[in-house]
């Protein structure tokens, strides 16, 4: 369930970054770089959602490693 919420959050943040053409993460991203970052977030979000909805074990394992590495 956590991956589903994270995926939806990434998709929302990506769409917002593309629409506003800026993203405020630890550093400021503007114009083209913010749009590229937004598309990256959308892509990752879709993968998170697909992993949960279709129960793709390999993707779930990769994302679990990704989430644990951040801690």
PDB file of N, CA and C in Angstrom:
ATOM      1  N   UNK A   1       0.827  -1.196   0.000  1.00  0.00           N
ATOM      2  CA  UNK A   1       0.000   0.000   0.000  1.00  0.00           C
ATOM      3  C   UNK A   1       0.869   1.257   0.000  1.00  0.00           C
ATOM      4  N   UNK A   2       1.996   1.197   0.702  1.00  0.00           N
ATOM      5  CA  UNK A   2       2.883   2.352   0.771  1.00  0.00           C
ATOM      6  C   UNK A   2       3.427   2.741  -0.591  1.00  0.00           C
ATOM      7  N   UNK A   3       3.740   1.719  -1.419  1.00  0.00           N
ATOM      8  CA  UNK A   3       4.252   2.009  -2.764  1.00  0.00           C
ATOM      9  C   UNK A   3       3.186   2.667  -3.633  1.00  0.00           C
ATOM     10  N   UNK A   4       1.941   2.302  -3.414  1.00  0.00           N
ATOM     11  CA  UNK A   4       0.851   2.900  -4.180  1.00  0.00           C
ATOM     12  C   UNK A   4       0.701   4.383  -3.840  1.00  0.00           C
ATOM     13  N   UNK A   5       0.762   4.695  -2.567  1.00  0.00           N
ATOM     14  CA  UNK A   5       0.662   6.090  -2.136  1.00  0.00           C
ATOM     15  C   UNK A   5       1.866   6.887  -2.621  1.00  0.00           C
ATOM     16  N   UNK A   6       3.057   6.290  -2.508  1.00  0.00           N
ATOM     17  CA  UNK A   6       4.267   6.957  -2.987  1.00  0.00           C
ATOM     18  C   UNK A   6       4.200   7.192  -4.494  1.00  0.00           C
ATOM     19  N   UNK A   7       3.715   6.199  -5.232  1.00  0.00           N
ATOM     20  CA  UNK A   7       3.578   6.344  -6.678  1.00  0.00           C
ATOM     21  C   UNK A   7       2.621   7.463  -7.058  1.00  0.00           C
ATOM     22  N   UNK A   8       1.491   7.523  -6.368  1.00  0.00           N
ATOM     23  CA  UNK A   8       0.521   8.589  -6.643  1.00  0.00           C
ATOM     24  C   UNK A   8       1.114   9.954  -6.298  1.00  0.00           C
ATOM     25  N   UNK A   9       1.864  10.012  -5.217  1.00  0.00           N
ATOM     26  CA  UNK A   9       2.515  11.270  -4.847  1.00  0.00           C
ATOM     27  C   UNK A   9       3.550  11.711  -5.870  1.00  0.00           C
ATOM     28  N   UNK A  10       4.317  10.758  -6.387  1.00  0.00           N
ATOM     29  CA  UNK A  10       5.305  11.091  -7.414  1.00  0.00           C
ATOM     30  C   UNK A  10       4.641  11.591  -8.694  1.00  0.00           C
ATOM     31  N   UNK A  11       3.554  10.936  -9.091  1.00  0.00           N
ATOM     32  CA  UNK A  11       2.844  11.363 -10.299  1.00  0.00           C
ATOM     33  C   UNK A  11       2.298  12.779 -10.115  1.00  0.00           C
ATOM     34  N   UNK A  12       1.718  13.046  -8.953  1.00  0.00           N
ATOM     35  CA  UNK A  12       1.176  14.369  -8.671  1.00  0.00           C
ATOM     36  C   UNK A  12       2.275  15.429  -8.657  1.00  0.00           C
ATOM     37  N   UNK A  13       3.399  15.122  -8.015  1.00  0.00           N
ATOM     38  CA  UNK A  13       4.509  16.071  -7.957  1.00  0.00           C
ATOM     39  C   UNK A  13       5.105  16.315  -9.335  1.00  0.00           C
ATOM     40  N   UNK A  14       5.183  15.262 -10.133  1.00  0.00           N
ATOM     41  CA  UNK A  14       5.702  15.414 -11.489  1.00  0.00           C
ATOM     42  C   UNK A  14       4.811  16.301 -12.348  1.00  0.00           C
ATOM     43  N   UNK A  15       3.502  16.074 -12.265  1.00  0.00           N
ATOM     44  CA  UNK A  15       2.567  16.902 -13.033  1.00  0.00           C
ATOM     45  C   UNK A  15       2.637  18.354 -12.574  1.00  0.00           C
ATOM     46  N   UNK A  16       2.764  18.550 -11.285  1.00  0.00           N
ATOM     47  CA  UNK A  16       2.853  19.912 -10.742  1.00  0.00           C
ATOM     48  C   UNK A  16       4.145  20.609 -11.208  1.00  0.00           C
ATOM     49  N   UNK A  17       5.263  19.882 -11.211  1.00  0.00           N
ATOM     50  CA  UNK A  17       6.533  20.467 -11.656  1.00  0.00           C
ATOM     51  C   UNK A  17       6.468  20.842 -13.135  1.00  0.00           C
ATOM     52  N   UNK A  18       5.817  19.998 -13.933  1.00  0.00           N
ATOM     53  CA  UNK A  18       5.697  20.297 -15.363  1.00  0.00           C
ATOM     54  C   UNK A  18       4.805  21.509 -15.572  1.00  0.00           C
ATOM     55  N   UNK A  19       3.683  21.550 -14.864  1.00  0.00           N
ATOM     56  CA  UNK A  19       2.744  22.663 -15.031  1.00  0.00           C
ATOM     57  C   UNK A  19       3.354  23.993 -14.595  1.00  0.00           C
ATOM     58  N   UNK A  20       4.047  23.993 -13.458  1.00  0.00           N
ATOM     59  CA  UNK A  20       4.607  25.233 -12.918  1.00  0.00           C
ATOM     60  C   UNK A  20       5.974  25.581 -13.507  1.00  0.00           C
ATOM     61  N   UNK A  21       6.620  24.604 -14.141  1.00  0.00           N
ATOM     62  CA  UNK A  21       7.957  24.759 -14.715  1.00  0.00           C
ATOM     63  C   UNK A  21       9.012  25.131 -13.677  1.00  0.00           C
ATOM     64  N   UNK A  22       8.786  24.645 -12.462  1.00  0.00           N
ATOM     65  CA  UNK A  22       9.808  24.772 -11.427  1.00  0.00           C
ATOM     66  C   UNK A  22       9.531  23.724 -10.366  1.00  0.00           C
ATOM     67  N   UNK A  23      10.606  23.315  -9.699  1.00  0.00           N
ATOM     68  CA  UNK A  23      10.487  22.322  -8.628  1.00  0.00           C
ATOM     69  C   UNK A  23      11.407  22.737  -7.500  1.00  0.00           C
ATOM     70  N   UNK A  24      10.889  22.712  -6.313  1.00  0.00           N
ATOM     71  CA  UNK A  24      11.682  23.074  -5.141  1.00  0.00           C
ATOM     72  C   UNK A  24      12.023  21.814  -4.362  1.00  0.00           C
ATOM     73  N   UNK A  25      13.146  21.252  -4.703  1.00  0.00           N
ATOM     74  CA  UNK A  25      13.720  20.142  -3.956  1.00  0.00           C
ATOM     75  C   UNK A  25      14.936  20.745  -3.265  1.00  0.00           C
ATOM     76  N   UNK A  26      15.849  19.999  -2.698  1.00  0.00           N
ATOM     77  CA  UNK A  26      16.947  20.680  -2.001  1.00  0.00           C
ATOM     78  C   UNK A  26      17.562  21.855  -2.782  1.00  0.00           C
ATOM     79  N   UNK A  27      17.544  21.785  -4.091  1.00  0.00           N
ATOM     80  CA  UNK A  27      17.963  22.948  -4.887  1.00  0.00           C
ATOM     81  C   UNK A  27      16.812  23.344  -5.812  1.00  0.00           C
ATOM     82  N   UNK A  28      16.879  24.509  -6.375  1.00  0.00           N
ATOM     83  CA  UNK A  28      15.815  25.038  -7.240  1.00  0.00           C
ATOM     84  C   UNK A  28      16.004  24.548  -8.679  1.00  0.00           C
ATOM     85  N   UNK A  29      14.980  23.951  -9.260  1.00  0.00           N
ATOM     86  CA  UNK A  29      14.991  23.510 -10.657  1.00  0.00           C
ATOM     87  C   UNK A  29      14.002  24.386 -11.407  1.00  0.00           C
ATOM     88  N   UNK A  30      14.426  24.908 -12.566  1.00  0.00           N
ATOM     89  CA  UNK A  30      13.553  25.799 -13.336  1.00  0.00           C
ATOM     90  C   UNK A  30      13.520  25.403 -14.807  1.00  0.00           C
ATOM     91  N   UNK A  31      12.443  25.816 -15.465  1.00  0.00           N
ATOM     92  CA  UNK A  31      12.221  25.667 -16.899  1.00  0.00           C
ATOM     93  C   UNK A  31      12.393  24.219 -17.378  1.00  0.00           C
ATOM     94  N   UNK A  32      13.304  23.996 -18.357  1.00  0.00           N
ATOM     95  CA  UNK A  32      13.447  22.680 -18.979  1.00  0.00           C
ATOM     96  C   UNK A  32      13.881  21.608 -17.986  1.00  0.00           C
ATOM     97  N   UNK A  33      14.767  21.953 -17.084  1.00  0.00           N
ATOM     98  CA  UNK A  33      15.228  20.946 -16.126  1.00  0.00           C
ATOM     99  C   UNK A  33      14.105  20.528 -15.179  1.00  0.00           C
ATOM    100  N   UNK A  34      13.231  21.448 -14.819  1.00  0.00           N
ATOM    101  CA  UNK A  34      12.089  21.104 -13.972  1.00  0.00           C
ATOM    102  C   UNK A  34      11.112  20.200 -14.716  1.00  0.00           C
ATOM    103  N   UNK A  35      10.921  20.452 -16.009  1.00  0.00           N
ATOM    104  CA  UNK A  35      10.028  19.611 -16.816  1.00  0.00           C
ATOM    105  C   UNK A  35      10.599  18.199 -16.924  1.00  0.00           C
ATOM    106  N   UNK A  36      11.905  18.093 -17.162  1.00  0.00           N
ATOM    107  CA  UNK A  36      12.542  16.771 -17.233  1.00  0.00           C
ATOM    108  C   UNK A  36      12.425  16.032 -15.899  1.00  0.00           C
ATOM    109  N   UNK A  37      12.646  16.741 -14.814  1.00  0.00           N
ATOM    110  CA  UNK A  37      12.515  16.146 -13.490  1.00  0.00           C
ATOM    111  C   UNK A  37      11.073  15.693 -13.248  1.00  0.00           C
ATOM    112  N   UNK A  38      10.113  16.492 -13.695  1.00  0.00           N
ATOM    113  CA  UNK A  38       8.705  16.122 -13.573  1.00  0.00           C
ATOM    114  C   UNK A  38       8.384  14.840 -14.319  1.00  0.00           C
ATOM    115  N   UNK A  39       8.905  14.701 -15.542  1.00  0.00           N
ATOM    116  CA  UNK A  39       8.670  13.477 -16.305  1.00  0.00           C
ATOM    117  C   UNK A  39       9.330  12.277 -15.637  1.00  0.00           C
ATOM    118  N   UNK A  40      10.498  12.477 -15.032  1.00  0.00           N
ATOM    119  CA  UNK A  40      11.160  11.391 -14.305  1.00  0.00           C
ATOM    120  C   UNK A  40      10.290  10.945 -13.131  1.00  0.00           C
ATOM    121  N   UNK A  41       9.753  11.907 -12.381  1.00  0.00           N
ATOM    122  CA  UNK A  41       8.882  11.582 -11.254  1.00  0.00           C
ATOM    123  C   UNK A  41       7.633  10.846 -11.723  1.00  0.00           C
ATOM    124  N   UNK A  42       7.051  11.283 -12.822  1.00  0.00           N
ATOM    125  CA  UNK A  42       5.855  10.617 -13.348  1.00  0.00           C
ATOM    126  C   UNK A  42       6.189   9.180 -13.746  1.00  0.00           C
ATOM    127  N   UNK A  43       7.308   8.993 -14.421  1.00  0.00           N
ATOM    128  CA  UNK A  43       7.724   7.642 -14.828  1.00  0.00           C
ATOM    129  C   UNK A  43       7.933   6.729 -13.636  1.00  0.00           C
ATOM    130  N   UNK A  44       8.627   7.214 -12.624  1.00  0.00           N
ATOM    131  CA  UNK A  44       8.837   6.410 -11.419  1.00  0.00           C
ATOM    132  C   UNK A  44       7.523   6.134 -10.699  1.00  0.00           C
ATOM    133  N   UNK A  45       6.659   7.126 -10.659  1.00  0.00           N
ATOM    134  CA  UNK A  45       5.356   6.945 -10.016  1.00  0.00           C
ATOM    135  C   UNK A  45       4.524   5.882 -10.708  1.00  0.00           C
ATOM    136  N   UNK A  46       4.539   5.896 -12.027  1.00  0.00           N
ATOM    137  CA  UNK A  46       3.794   4.886 -12.791  1.00  0.00           C
ATOM    138  C   UNK A  46       4.353   3.499 -12.512  1.00  0.00           C
ATOM    139  N   UNK A  47       5.672   3.378 -12.432  1.00  0.00           N
ATOM    140  CA  UNK A  47       6.272   2.082 -12.123  1.00  0.00           C
ATOM    141  C   UNK A  47       5.879   1.600 -10.728  1.00  0.00           C
ATOM    142  N   UNK A  48       5.841   2.498  -9.755  1.00  0.00           N
ATOM    143  CA  UNK A  48       5.409   2.132  -8.410  1.00  0.00           C
ATOM    144  C   UNK A  48       3.972   1.609  -8.444  1.00  0.00           C
ATOM    145  N   UNK A  49       3.090   2.332  -9.132  1.00  0.00           N
ATOM    146  CA  UNK A  49       1.678   1.938  -9.195  1.00  0.00           C
ATOM    147  C   UNK A  49       1.522   0.603  -9.915  1.00  0.00           C
ATOM    148  N   UNK A  50       2.233   0.425 -11.024  1.00  0.00           N
ATOM    149  CA  UNK A  50       2.159  -0.836 -11.776  1.00  0.00           C
ATOM    150  C   UNK A  50       2.637  -1.999 -10.913  1.00  0.00           C
ATOM    151  N   UNK A  51       3.702  -1.786 -10.137  1.00  0.00           N
ATOM    152  CA  UNK A  51       4.224  -2.846  -9.277  1.00  0.00           C
ATOM    153  C   UNK A  51       3.186  -3.301  -8.266  1.00  0.00           C
ATOM    154  N   UNK A  52       2.404  -2.365  -7.747  1.00  0.00           N
ATOM    155  CA  UNK A  52       1.402  -2.724  -6.741  1.00  0.00           C
ATOM    156  C   UNK A  52       0.151  -3.318  -7.393  1.00  0.00           C
ATOM    157  N   UNK A  53      -0.353  -2.654  -8.428  1.00  0.00           N
ATOM    158  CA  UNK A  53      -1.616  -3.079  -9.043  1.00  0.00           C
ATOM    159  C   UNK A  53      -1.492  -4.458  -9.689  1.00  0.00           C
ATOM    160  N   UNK A  54      -0.413  -4.691 -10.410  1.00  0.00           N
ATOM    161  CA  UNK A  54      -0.253  -5.964 -11.116  1.00  0.00           C
ATOM    162  C   UNK A  54       0.595  -6.963 -10.340  1.00  0.00           C
ATOM    163  N   UNK A  55       0.964  -6.612  -9.109  1.00  0.00           N
ATOM    164  CA  UNK A  55       1.718  -7.494  -8.226  1.00  0.00           C
ATOM    165  C   UNK A  55       2.992  -8.023  -8.899  1.00  0.00           C
ATOM    166  N   UNK A  56       3.802  -7.104  -9.403  1.00  0.00           N
ATOM    167  CA  UNK A  56       5.060  -7.449 -10.062  1.00  0.00           C
ATOM    168  C   UNK A  56       6.144  -7.545  -8.990  1.00  0.00           C
ATOM    169  N   UNK A  57       6.531  -8.753  -8.671  1.00  0.00           N
ATOM    170  CA  UNK A  57       7.475  -9.001  -7.585  1.00  0.00           C
ATOM    171  C   UNK A  57       8.833  -8.364  -7.799  1.00  0.00           C
ATOM    172  N   UNK A  58       9.346  -8.425  -9.029  1.00  0.00           N
ATOM    173  CA  UNK A  58      10.675  -7.875  -9.307  1.00  0.00           C
ATOM    174  C   UNK A  58      10.701  -6.360  -9.081  1.00  0.00           C
ATOM    175  N   UNK A  59       9.667  -5.657  -9.542  1.00  0.00           N
ATOM    176  CA  UNK A  59       9.612  -4.207  -9.336  1.00  0.00           C
ATOM    177  C   UNK A  59       9.461  -3.872  -7.857  1.00  0.00           C
ATOM    178  N   UNK A  60       8.652  -4.652  -7.152  1.00  0.00           N
ATOM    179  CA  UNK A  60       8.482  -4.416  -5.719  1.00  0.00           C
ATOM    180  C   UNK A  60       9.812  -4.558  -4.984  1.00  0.00           C
ATOM    181  N   UNK A  61      10.602  -5.556  -5.363  1.00  0.00           N
ATOM    182  CA  UNK A  61      11.900  -5.768  -4.728  1.00  0.00           C
ATOM    183  C   UNK A  61      12.834  -4.602  -5.000  1.00  0.00           C
ATOM    184  N   UNK A  62      12.867  -4.138  -6.233  1.00  0.00           N
ATOM    185  CA  UNK A  62      13.720  -2.998  -6.588  1.00  0.00           C
ATOM    186  C   UNK A  62      13.312  -1.762  -5.801  1.00  0.00           C
ATOM    187  N   UNK A  63      12.020  -1.495  -5.715  1.00  0.00           N
ATOM    188  CA  UNK A  63      11.557  -0.311  -4.997  1.00  0.00           C
ATOM    189  C   UNK A  63      11.777  -0.434  -3.495  1.00  0.00           C
ATOM    190  N   UNK A  64      11.663  -1.658  -2.962  1.00  0.00           N
ATOM    191  CA  UNK A  64      11.933  -1.857  -1.539  1.00  0.00           C
ATOM    192  C   UNK A  64      13.399  -1.544  -1.253  1.00  0.00           C
ATOM    193  N   UNK A  65      14.295  -1.979  -2.132  1.00  0.00           N
ATOM    194  CA  UNK A  65      15.721  -1.663  -1.981  1.00  0.00           C
ATOM    195  C   UNK A  65      15.952  -0.161  -2.086  1.00  0.00           C
ATOM    196  N   UNK A  66      15.264   0.475  -3.028  1.00  0.00           N
ATOM    197  CA  UNK A  66      15.369   1.919  -3.213  1.00  0.00           C
ATOM    198  C   UNK A  66      14.934   2.676  -1.966  1.00  0.00           C
ATOM    199  N   UNK A  67      13.815   2.253  -1.394  1.00  0.00           N
ATOM    200  CA  UNK A  67      13.296   2.920  -0.195  1.00  0.00           C
ATOM    201  C   UNK A  67      14.190   2.678   1.024  1.00  0.00           C
ATOM    202  N   UNK A  68      14.748   1.479   1.146  1.00  0.00           N
ATOM    203  CA  UNK A  68      15.621   1.182   2.271  1.00  0.00           C
ATOM    204  C   UNK A  68      16.946   1.911   2.154  1.00  0.00           C
ATOM    205  N   UNK A  69      17.426   2.132   0.940  1.00  0.00           N
ATOM    206  CA  UNK A  69      18.696   2.832   0.729  1.00  0.00           C
ATOM    207  C   UNK A  69      18.585   4.298   1.169  1.00  0.00           C
ATOM    208  N   UNK A  70      17.392   4.849   1.072  1.00  0.00           N
ATOM    209  CA  UNK A  70      17.200   6.249   1.463  1.00  0.00           C
ATOM    210  C   UNK A  70      17.296   6.414   2.976  1.00  0.00           C
ATOM    211  N   UNK A  71      17.049   5.358   3.707  1.00  0.00           N
ATOM    212  CA  UNK A  71      17.122   5.446   5.170  1.00  0.00           C
ATOM    213  C   UNK A  71      18.535   5.212   5.573  1.00  0.00           C
TER     214      UNK A  71
END
